[in-house]
């Protein structure tokens, strides 16, 4: 990734990660309105590569003006930046069809309430899924407990670990149709209490469970040697508006004076 100031961000070499970018003033201590930022990503794998566009959130203030309190991007849709969608909608085909050629649908979710500060409180939520097949038959009950972010094959939810339930709702055996869709949103739920634990057995979700909108990425790919290799992808559709989102960040401190000589 390369921005307008000629700074190149290093790639995520064989790792997971995300970039959040916004414009700041010269001192680096306040976010400012500069609605000319855009971005994209390229996932390189042994089977080729996948490209997709970034989500963009326009500032609601005049060009160059401060946007909200320093260190807090308000995704409120009014005085700060655009709001996140109330929920995400995805049309998908399960594995085992001639449409996906035995490929697996894989979903990434990132909460729109995110604390990026050094001494941060993690965002924990329950991703609740409602699934419909081509005959409009609805399947409920699937969920995934999330801390900070989630990525995984849909059919693996609740099977690959104990932090979710209902991956079978996304399977061809259950849906019985090739063209299907699901809706997902983040809820505060006691179901996810003590589902994500430290090695010592304590709940990682020190701030409790919260309701939150999401942004995300949908990929199709293949499972080989316990690794997922994407071959195509897209960002899900969003519907509605949820103005409760935010991003917290550590602003730059004042540059110390040079010592007197």
C-alpha atoms as a PDB file:
ATOM      1  CA  UNK A   1       0.000   0.000   0.000  1.00  0.00           C
ATOM      2  CA  UNK A   2       1.257   3.477  -0.902  1.00  0.00           C
ATOM      3  CA  UNK A   3      -0.319   6.740   0.208  1.00  0.00           C
ATOM      4  CA  UNK A   4      -0.245  10.266  -1.225  1.00  0.00           C
ATOM      5  CA  UNK A   5       2.847  11.168   0.788  1.00  0.00           C
ATOM      6  CA  UNK A   6       4.913   8.401  -0.798  1.00  0.00           C
ATOM      7  CA  UNK A   7       5.020   6.168   2.282  1.00  0.00           C
ATOM      8  CA  UNK A   8       4.872   2.447   1.555  1.00  0.00           C
ATOM      9  CA  UNK A   9       3.315   0.134   4.127  1.00  0.00           C
ATOM     10  CA  UNK A  10       4.997  -3.282   4.422  1.00  0.00           C
ATOM     11  CA  UNK A  11       2.985  -6.316   3.293  1.00  0.00           C
ATOM     12  CA  UNK A  12       1.565  -8.802   5.773  1.00  0.00           C
ATOM     13  CA  UNK A  13       3.990 -11.603   4.963  1.00  0.00           C
ATOM     14  CA  UNK A  14       2.115 -14.901   5.463  1.00  0.00           C
ATOM     15  CA  UNK A  15       0.121 -13.319   8.296  1.00  0.00           C
ATOM     16  CA  UNK A  16      -3.293 -11.868   9.034  1.00  0.00           C
ATOM     17  CA  UNK A  17      -3.831  -8.166   9.532  1.00  0.00           C
ATOM     18  CA  UNK A  18      -5.790  -5.087   8.640  1.00  0.00           C
ATOM     19  CA  UNK A  19      -5.052  -1.475   7.790  1.00  0.00           C
ATOM     20  CA  UNK A  20      -7.123   1.439   9.041  1.00  0.00           C
ATOM     21  CA  UNK A  21      -6.114   4.758   7.493  1.00  0.00           C
ATOM     22  CA  UNK A  22      -7.321   8.310   8.125  1.00  0.00           C
ATOM     23  CA  UNK A  23      -6.046  11.842   7.585  1.00  0.00           C
ATOM     24  CA  UNK A  24      -4.509  13.778  10.491  1.00  0.00           C
ATOM     25  CA  UNK A  25      -3.132  17.278  10.966  1.00  0.00           C
ATOM     26  CA  UNK A  26       0.578  18.119  10.758  1.00  0.00           C
ATOM     27  CA  UNK A  27       1.054  17.514  14.486  1.00  0.00           C
ATOM     28  CA  UNK A  28      -0.538  14.081  14.241  1.00  0.00           C
ATOM     29  CA  UNK A  29      -2.804  14.707  17.219  1.00  0.00           C
ATOM     30  CA  UNK A  30      -6.220  15.232  15.541  1.00  0.00           C
ATOM     31  CA  UNK A  31      -8.077  13.631  12.660  1.00  0.00           C
ATOM     32  CA  UNK A  32      -9.091  16.027   9.869  1.00  0.00           C
ATOM     33  CA  UNK A  33     -11.481  15.966   6.920  1.00  0.00           C
ATOM     34  CA  UNK A  34      -9.790  14.803   3.716  1.00  0.00           C
ATOM     35  CA  UNK A  35     -12.238  12.813   1.611  1.00  0.00           C
ATOM     36  CA  UNK A  36      -9.762  11.813  -1.074  1.00  0.00           C
ATOM     37  CA  UNK A  37      -8.468   8.602   0.519  1.00  0.00           C
ATOM     38  CA  UNK A  38      -9.091   5.245  -1.110  1.00  0.00           C
ATOM     39  CA  UNK A  39      -7.521   1.819  -0.968  1.00  0.00           C
ATOM     40  CA  UNK A  40      -7.515  -1.793  -2.018  1.00  0.00           C
ATOM     41  CA  UNK A  41      -5.864  -5.053  -1.070  1.00  0.00           C
ATOM     42  CA  UNK A  42      -4.250  -7.968  -2.817  1.00  0.00           C
ATOM     43  CA  UNK A  43      -4.045 -11.424  -1.216  1.00  0.00           C
ATOM     44  CA  UNK A  44      -1.329 -13.479  -2.868  1.00  0.00           C
ATOM     45  CA  UNK A  45      -1.486 -17.270  -2.586  1.00  0.00           C
ATOM     46  CA  UNK A  46      -0.017 -20.281  -4.320  1.00  0.00           C
ATOM     47  CA  UNK A  47      -3.210 -20.508  -6.375  1.00  0.00           C
ATOM     48  CA  UNK A  48      -3.041 -16.933  -7.636  1.00  0.00           C
ATOM     49  CA  UNK A  49      -4.348 -13.806  -5.970  1.00  0.00           C
ATOM     50  CA  UNK A  50      -7.474 -12.021  -4.787  1.00  0.00           C
ATOM     51  CA  UNK A  51      -8.134  -8.278  -4.938  1.00  0.00           C
ATOM     52  CA  UNK A  52     -10.863  -6.258  -3.241  1.00  0.00           C
ATOM     53  CA  UNK A  53     -11.630  -2.630  -2.398  1.00  0.00           C
ATOM     54  CA  UNK A  54     -11.432  -1.028   1.016  1.00  0.00           C
ATOM     55  CA  UNK A  55     -14.424   0.320   2.921  1.00  0.00           C
ATOM     56  CA  UNK A  56     -14.504   4.117   2.832  1.00  0.00           C
ATOM     57  CA  UNK A  57     -16.064   6.444   5.412  1.00  0.00           C
ATOM     58  CA  UNK A  58     -16.472  10.077   4.388  1.00  0.00           C
ATOM     59  CA  UNK A  59     -15.887  12.817   6.965  1.00  0.00           C
ATOM     60  CA  UNK A  60     -18.924  15.010   7.611  1.00  0.00           C
ATOM     61  CA  UNK A  61     -16.925  18.217   8.139  1.00  0.00           C
ATOM     62  CA  UNK A  62     -15.544  20.798   5.652  1.00  0.00           C
ATOM     63  CA  UNK A  63     -12.226  20.043   3.996  1.00  0.00           C
ATOM     64  CA  UNK A  64      -9.314  20.346   6.440  1.00  0.00           C
ATOM     65  CA  UNK A  65     -11.512  20.784   9.536  1.00  0.00           C
ATOM     66  CA  UNK A  66     -11.100  18.695  12.690  1.00  0.00           C
ATOM     67  CA  UNK A  67     -13.454  15.712  12.801  1.00  0.00           C
ATOM     68  CA  UNK A  68     -14.666  14.801  16.282  1.00  0.00           C
ATOM     69  CA  UNK A  69     -12.605  14.602  19.477  1.00  0.00           C
ATOM     70  CA  UNK A  70      -8.880  13.876  19.108  1.00  0.00           C
ATOM     71  CA  UNK A  71      -8.174  10.164  19.180  1.00  0.00           C
ATOM     72  CA  UNK A  72     -11.760   9.104  18.516  1.00  0.00           C
ATOM     73  CA  UNK A  73     -13.238   8.577  15.058  1.00  0.00           C
ATOM     74  CA  UNK A  74     -17.013   8.740  15.457  1.00  0.00           C
ATOM     75  CA  UNK A  75     -18.753   6.571  12.848  1.00  0.00           C
ATOM     76  CA  UNK A  76     -22.046   8.284  13.638  1.00  0.00           C
ATOM     77  CA  UNK A  77     -23.170   9.402  10.179  1.00  0.00           C
ATOM     78  CA  UNK A  78     -23.704  13.005  11.339  1.00  0.00           C
ATOM     79  CA  UNK A  79     -20.855  15.035  12.876  1.00  0.00           C
ATOM     80  CA  UNK A  80     -18.041  12.516  12.476  1.00  0.00           C
ATOM     81  CA  UNK A  81     -17.811  10.023   9.630  1.00  0.00           C
ATOM     82  CA  UNK A  82     -20.237   7.807   7.722  1.00  0.00           C
ATOM     83  CA  UNK A  83     -22.035   5.230   9.842  1.00  0.00           C
ATOM     84  CA  UNK A  84     -21.382   1.517   9.525  1.00  0.00           C
ATOM     85  CA  UNK A  85     -24.174  -0.669   8.104  1.00  0.00           C
ATOM     86  CA  UNK A  86     -26.686  -2.034  10.595  1.00  0.00           C
ATOM     87  CA  UNK A  87     -26.016  -5.529   9.264  1.00  0.00           C
ATOM     88  CA  UNK A  88     -24.218  -7.299   6.417  1.00  0.00           C
ATOM     89  CA  UNK A  89     -25.891  -9.352   3.685  1.00  0.00           C
ATOM     90  CA  UNK A  90     -24.108 -12.013   1.627  1.00  0.00           C
ATOM     91  CA  UNK A  91     -25.311 -14.165  -1.266  1.00  0.00           C
ATOM     92  CA  UNK A  92     -23.323 -17.394  -1.294  1.00  0.00           C
ATOM     93  CA  UNK A  93     -23.078 -20.937  -2.593  1.00  0.00           C
ATOM     94  CA  UNK A  94     -22.026 -23.748  -0.239  1.00  0.00           C
ATOM     95  CA  UNK A  95     -19.149 -26.084  -0.968  1.00  0.00           C
ATOM     96  CA  UNK A  96     -19.817 -29.136  -3.094  1.00  0.00           C
ATOM     97  CA  UNK A  97     -21.711 -27.393  -5.904  1.00  0.00           C
ATOM     98  CA  UNK A  98     -20.658 -26.987  -9.521  1.00  0.00           C
ATOM     99  CA  UNK A  99     -20.836 -23.207  -8.947  1.00  0.00           C
ATOM    100  CA  UNK A 100     -18.075 -23.226  -6.339  1.00  0.00           C
ATOM    101  CA  UNK A 101     -16.250 -26.231  -7.826  1.00  0.00           C
ATOM    102  CA  UNK A 102     -15.894 -27.703  -4.332  1.00  0.00           C
ATOM    103  CA  UNK A 103     -14.526 -24.396  -2.990  1.00  0.00           C
ATOM    104  CA  UNK A 104     -15.411 -23.198   0.508  1.00  0.00           C
ATOM    105  CA  UNK A 105     -17.004 -19.856   1.458  1.00  0.00           C
ATOM    106  CA  UNK A 106     -14.871 -18.071   4.067  1.00  0.00           C
ATOM    107  CA  UNK A 107     -15.930 -14.977   6.035  1.00  0.00           C
ATOM    108  CA  UNK A 108     -13.942 -12.239   7.785  1.00  0.00           C
ATOM    109  CA  UNK A 109     -15.696  -9.915  10.235  1.00  0.00           C
ATOM    110  CA  UNK A 110     -14.297  -6.801  11.922  1.00  0.00           C
ATOM    111  CA  UNK A 111     -16.336  -4.870  14.517  1.00  0.00           C
ATOM    112  CA  UNK A 112     -17.035  -1.189  13.839  1.00  0.00           C
ATOM    113  CA  UNK A 113     -16.262  -0.528  17.508  1.00  0.00           C
ATOM    114  CA  UNK A 114     -12.502  -0.849  17.745  1.00  0.00           C
ATOM    115  CA  UNK A 115      -9.944   0.288  20.314  1.00  0.00           C
ATOM    116  CA  UNK A 116      -6.498   0.554  18.699  1.00  0.00           C
ATOM    117  CA  UNK A 117      -4.784   2.180  21.685  1.00  0.00           C
ATOM    118  CA  UNK A 118      -1.831   0.526  23.383  1.00  0.00           C
ATOM    119  CA  UNK A 119      -3.818  -0.054  26.586  1.00  0.00           C
ATOM    120  CA  UNK A 120      -6.920  -1.103  24.742  1.00  0.00           C
ATOM    121  CA  UNK A 121     -10.108  -2.861  25.751  1.00  0.00           C
ATOM    122  CA  UNK A 122     -10.928  -5.657  23.272  1.00  0.00           C
ATOM    123  CA  UNK A 123     -14.245  -5.616  21.428  1.00  0.00           C
ATOM    124  CA  UNK A 124     -16.096  -8.870  22.025  1.00  0.00           C
ATOM    125  CA  UNK A 125     -19.434  -9.716  20.466  1.00  0.00           C
ATOM    126  CA  UNK A 126     -21.658 -12.504  19.205  1.00  0.00           C
ATOM    127  CA  UNK A 127     -22.052 -12.619  15.420  1.00  0.00           C
ATOM    128  CA  UNK A 128     -25.636 -13.783  14.908  1.00  0.00           C
ATOM    129  CA  UNK A 129     -26.492 -15.358  11.540  1.00  0.00           C
ATOM    130  CA  UNK A 130     -29.825 -15.804   9.816  1.00  0.00           C
ATOM    131  CA  UNK A 131     -29.604 -17.978   6.694  1.00  0.00           C
ATOM    132  CA  UNK A 132     -32.083 -18.418   3.825  1.00  0.00           C
ATOM    133  CA  UNK A 133     -31.999 -20.868   0.944  1.00  0.00           C
ATOM    134  CA  UNK A 134     -33.363 -20.231  -2.566  1.00  0.00           C
ATOM    135  CA  UNK A 135     -36.860 -21.286  -1.441  1.00  0.00           C
ATOM    136  CA  UNK A 136     -36.818 -18.599   1.319  1.00  0.00           C
ATOM    137  CA  UNK A 137     -36.638 -21.257   4.023  1.00  0.00           C
ATOM    138  CA  UNK A 138     -34.979 -19.627   7.033  1.00  0.00           C
ATOM    139  CA  UNK A 139     -32.370 -21.326   9.219  1.00  0.00           C
ATOM    140  CA  UNK A 140     -31.515 -19.752  12.573  1.00  0.00           C
ATOM    141  CA  UNK A 141     -29.269 -20.588  15.512  1.00  0.00           C
ATOM    142  CA  UNK A 142     -25.822 -20.134  13.959  1.00  0.00           C
ATOM    143  CA  UNK A 143     -23.453 -17.802  15.797  1.00  0.00           C
ATOM    144  CA  UNK A 144     -19.753 -17.088  16.262  1.00  0.00           C
ATOM    145  CA  UNK A 145     -18.123 -15.512  19.329  1.00  0.00           C
ATOM    146  CA  UNK A 146     -15.591 -12.858  18.317  1.00  0.00           C
ATOM    147  CA  UNK A 147     -12.781 -10.990  20.030  1.00  0.00           C
ATOM    148  CA  UNK A 148     -11.449  -8.047  17.932  1.00  0.00           C
ATOM    149  CA  UNK A 149     -11.977  -9.865  14.609  1.00  0.00           C
ATOM    150  CA  UNK A 150     -12.869 -13.233  13.068  1.00  0.00           C
ATOM    151  CA  UNK A 151     -11.933 -15.197   9.963  1.00  0.00           C
ATOM    152  CA  UNK A 152     -13.042 -18.715   9.133  1.00  0.00           C
ATOM    153  CA  UNK A 153     -14.813 -21.124   6.787  1.00  0.00           C
ATOM    154  CA  UNK A 154     -18.559 -20.851   7.380  1.00  0.00           C
ATOM    155  CA  UNK A 155     -19.169 -24.595   7.514  1.00  0.00           C
ATOM    156  CA  UNK A 156     -16.449 -24.872  10.151  1.00  0.00           C
ATOM    157  CA  UNK A 157     -18.272 -22.675  12.685  1.00  0.00           C
ATOM    158  CA  UNK A 158     -18.791 -24.706  15.852  1.00  0.00           C
ATOM    159  CA  UNK A 159     -16.913 -27.686  14.394  1.00  0.00           C
ATOM    160  CA  UNK A 160     -13.326 -26.460  14.339  1.00  0.00           C
ATOM    161  CA  UNK A 161     -13.500 -25.007  17.869  1.00  0.00           C
ATOM    162  CA  UNK A 162     -16.024 -24.354  20.625  1.00  0.00           C
ATOM    163  CA  UNK A 163     -16.419 -20.597  20.072  1.00  0.00           C
ATOM    164  CA  UNK A 164     -19.387 -20.890  17.734  1.00  0.00           C
ATOM    165  CA  UNK A 165     -22.324 -23.040  16.706  1.00  0.00           C
ATOM    166  CA  UNK A 166     -24.277 -24.007  13.605  1.00  0.00           C
ATOM    167  CA  UNK A 167     -21.813 -24.348  10.745  1.00  0.00           C
ATOM    168  CA  UNK A 168     -24.125 -26.974   9.254  1.00  0.00           C
ATOM    169  CA  UNK A 169     -26.608 -24.166   8.465  1.00  0.00           C
ATOM    170  CA  UNK A 170     -24.255 -23.120   5.647  1.00  0.00           C
ATOM    171  CA  UNK A 171     -23.873 -26.596   4.113  1.00  0.00           C
ATOM    172  CA  UNK A 172     -25.419 -27.940   0.918  1.00  0.00           C
ATOM    173  CA  UNK A 173     -26.798 -30.876   2.901  1.00  0.00           C
ATOM    174  CA  UNK A 174     -28.909 -28.512   5.037  1.00  0.00           C
ATOM    175  CA  UNK A 175     -29.754 -25.798   2.499  1.00  0.00           C
ATOM    176  CA  UNK A 176     -30.369 -28.101  -0.477  1.00  0.00           C
ATOM    177  CA  UNK A 177     -30.063 -25.149  -2.905  1.00  0.00           C
ATOM    178  CA  UNK A 178     -27.126 -23.564  -4.694  1.00  0.00           C
ATOM    179  CA  UNK A 179     -28.109 -19.891  -4.281  1.00  0.00           C
ATOM    180  CA  UNK A 180     -28.443 -18.805  -0.655  1.00  0.00           C
ATOM    181  CA  UNK A 181     -27.926 -15.735   1.515  1.00  0.00           C
ATOM    182  CA  UNK A 182     -27.238 -14.829   5.112  1.00  0.00           C
ATOM    183  CA  UNK A 183     -27.517 -11.785   7.364  1.00  0.00           C
ATOM    184  CA  UNK A 184     -25.061 -11.140  10.191  1.00  0.00           C
ATOM    185  CA  UNK A 185     -24.903  -8.559  12.979  1.00  0.00           C
ATOM    186  CA  UNK A 186     -23.088  -8.291  16.301  1.00  0.00           C
ATOM    187  CA  UNK A 187     -25.059  -8.671  19.533  1.00  0.00           C
ATOM    188  CA  UNK A 188     -24.202  -8.480  23.225  1.00  0.00           C
ATOM    189  CA  UNK A 189     -24.920 -11.975  24.513  1.00  0.00           C
ATOM    190  CA  UNK A 190     -24.051 -14.001  27.643  1.00  0.00           C
ATOM    191  CA  UNK A 191     -23.697 -17.009  25.316  1.00  0.00           C
ATOM    192  CA  UNK A 192     -20.159 -15.803  24.561  1.00  0.00           C
ATOM    193  CA  UNK A 193     -19.073 -15.320  28.182  1.00  0.00           C
ATOM    194  CA  UNK A 194     -15.946 -17.406  28.910  1.00  0.00           C
ATOM    195  CA  UNK A 195     -15.798 -18.743  25.340  1.00  0.00           C
ATOM    196  CA  UNK A 196     -12.464 -17.040  24.561  1.00  0.00           C
ATOM    197  CA  UNK A 197      -9.987 -17.791  27.339  1.00  0.00           C
ATOM    198  CA  UNK A 198      -6.383 -16.956  28.175  1.00  0.00           C
ATOM    199  CA  UNK A 199      -3.918 -19.838  28.768  1.00  0.00           C
ATOM    200  CA  UNK A 200      -4.624 -19.318  32.465  1.00  0.00           C
ATOM    201  CA  UNK A 201      -8.357 -19.828  31.969  1.00  0.00           C
ATOM    202  CA  UNK A 202      -9.527 -16.215  32.325  1.00  0.00           C
ATOM    203  CA  UNK A 203     -12.022 -14.604  29.966  1.00  0.00           C
ATOM    204  CA  UNK A 204     -10.157 -12.521  27.366  1.00  0.00           C
ATOM    205  CA  UNK A 205     -13.190 -10.249  27.013  1.00  0.00           C
ATOM    206  CA  UNK A 206     -12.294  -7.925  29.871  1.00  0.00           C
ATOM    207  CA  UNK A 207     -14.772  -5.287  28.666  1.00  0.00           C
ATOM    208  CA  UNK A 208     -17.661  -7.734  28.421  1.00  0.00           C
ATOM    209  CA  UNK A 209     -19.869  -8.418  25.426  1.00  0.00           C
ATOM    210  CA  UNK A 210     -21.124  -5.523  23.265  1.00  0.00           C
ATOM    211  CA  UNK A 211     -23.477  -5.000  20.345  1.00  0.00           C
ATOM    212  CA  UNK A 212     -21.638  -3.751  17.260  1.00  0.00           C
ATOM    213  CA  UNK A 213     -22.037  -3.401  13.502  1.00  0.00           C
ATOM    214  CA  UNK A 214     -19.489  -5.085  11.228  1.00  0.00           C
ATOM    215  CA  UNK A 215     -17.473  -4.599   8.089  1.00  0.00           C
ATOM    216  CA  UNK A 216     -16.208  -7.717   6.398  1.00  0.00           C
ATOM    217  CA  UNK A 217     -14.822  -9.710   3.515  1.00  0.00           C
ATOM    218  CA  UNK A 218     -16.178 -12.814   1.781  1.00  0.00           C
ATOM    219  CA  UNK A 219     -13.755 -15.223   0.112  1.00  0.00           C
ATOM    220  CA  UNK A 220     -14.030 -18.486  -1.798  1.00  0.00           C
ATOM    221  CA  UNK A 221     -11.116 -20.883  -1.747  1.00  0.00           C
ATOM    222  CA  UNK A 222      -9.739 -24.307  -0.971  1.00  0.00           C
ATOM    223  CA  UNK A 223      -8.655 -26.080   2.183  1.00  0.00           C
ATOM    224  CA  UNK A 224      -5.256 -27.737   1.785  1.00  0.00           C
ATOM    225  CA  UNK A 225      -3.009 -28.986   4.592  1.00  0.00           C
ATOM    226  CA  UNK A 226      -5.175 -27.211   7.190  1.00  0.00           C
ATOM    227  CA  UNK A 227      -4.700 -23.866   5.383  1.00  0.00           C
ATOM    228  CA  UNK A 228      -7.212 -21.807   3.400  1.00  0.00           C
ATOM    229  CA  UNK A 229      -6.216 -20.561  -0.057  1.00  0.00           C
ATOM    230  CA  UNK A 230      -8.615 -17.942  -1.500  1.00  0.00           C
ATOM    231  CA  UNK A 231      -9.213 -17.676  -5.242  1.00  0.00           C
ATOM    232  CA  UNK A 232     -11.901 -14.959  -5.348  1.00  0.00           C
ATOM    233  CA  UNK A 233     -13.476 -12.473  -2.966  1.00  0.00           C
ATOM    234  CA  UNK A 234     -15.728  -9.468  -2.430  1.00  0.00           C
ATOM    235  CA  UNK A 235     -16.928  -7.149   0.326  1.00  0.00           C
ATOM    236  CA  UNK A 236     -20.456  -7.919   1.607  1.00  0.00           C
ATOM    237  CA  UNK A 237     -23.438  -5.644   1.046  1.00  0.00           C
ATOM    238  CA  UNK A 238     -24.436  -3.450   3.970  1.00  0.00           C
ATOM    239  CA  UNK A 239     -27.994  -2.421   4.849  1.00  0.00           C
ATOM    240  CA  UNK A 240     -29.320   0.213   7.199  1.00  0.00           C
ATOM    241  CA  UNK A 241     -27.139   2.520   9.272  1.00  0.00           C
ATOM    242  CA  UNK A 242     -25.781   2.102  12.791  1.00  0.00           C
ATOM    243  CA  UNK A 243     -24.285   5.286  14.210  1.00  0.00           C
ATOM    244  CA  UNK A 244     -22.716   3.705  17.297  1.00  0.00           C
ATOM    245  CA  UNK A 245     -19.371   2.775  15.715  1.00  0.00           C
ATOM    246  CA  UNK A 246     -16.022   4.307  16.614  1.00  0.00           C
ATOM    247  CA  UNK A 247     -12.267   3.852  16.318  1.00  0.00           C
ATOM    248  CA  UNK A 248     -10.033   4.863  19.248  1.00  0.00           C
ATOM    249  CA  UNK A 249      -6.347   5.609  18.597  1.00  0.00           C
ATOM    250  CA  UNK A 250      -3.312   6.979  20.403  1.00  0.00           C
ATOM    251  CA  UNK A 251      -2.607  10.503  19.187  1.00  0.00           C
ATOM    252  CA  UNK A 252       0.983  11.641  18.708  1.00  0.00           C
ATOM    253  CA  UNK A 253       2.572  13.204  21.773  1.00  0.00           C
ATOM    254  CA  UNK A 254       4.277  16.577  21.744  1.00  0.00           C
ATOM    255  CA  UNK A 255       7.815  16.440  20.387  1.00  0.00           C
ATOM    256  CA  UNK A 256      10.235  17.099  23.290  1.00  0.00           C
ATOM    257  CA  UNK A 257      12.572  20.087  23.104  1.00  0.00           C
ATOM    258  CA  UNK A 258      16.189  19.374  22.236  1.00  0.00           C
ATOM    259  CA  UNK A 259      18.447  19.545  25.321  1.00  0.00           C
ATOM    260  CA  UNK A 260      20.263  22.835  25.813  1.00  0.00           C
ATOM    261  CA  UNK A 261      23.953  22.720  25.051  1.00  0.00           C
END
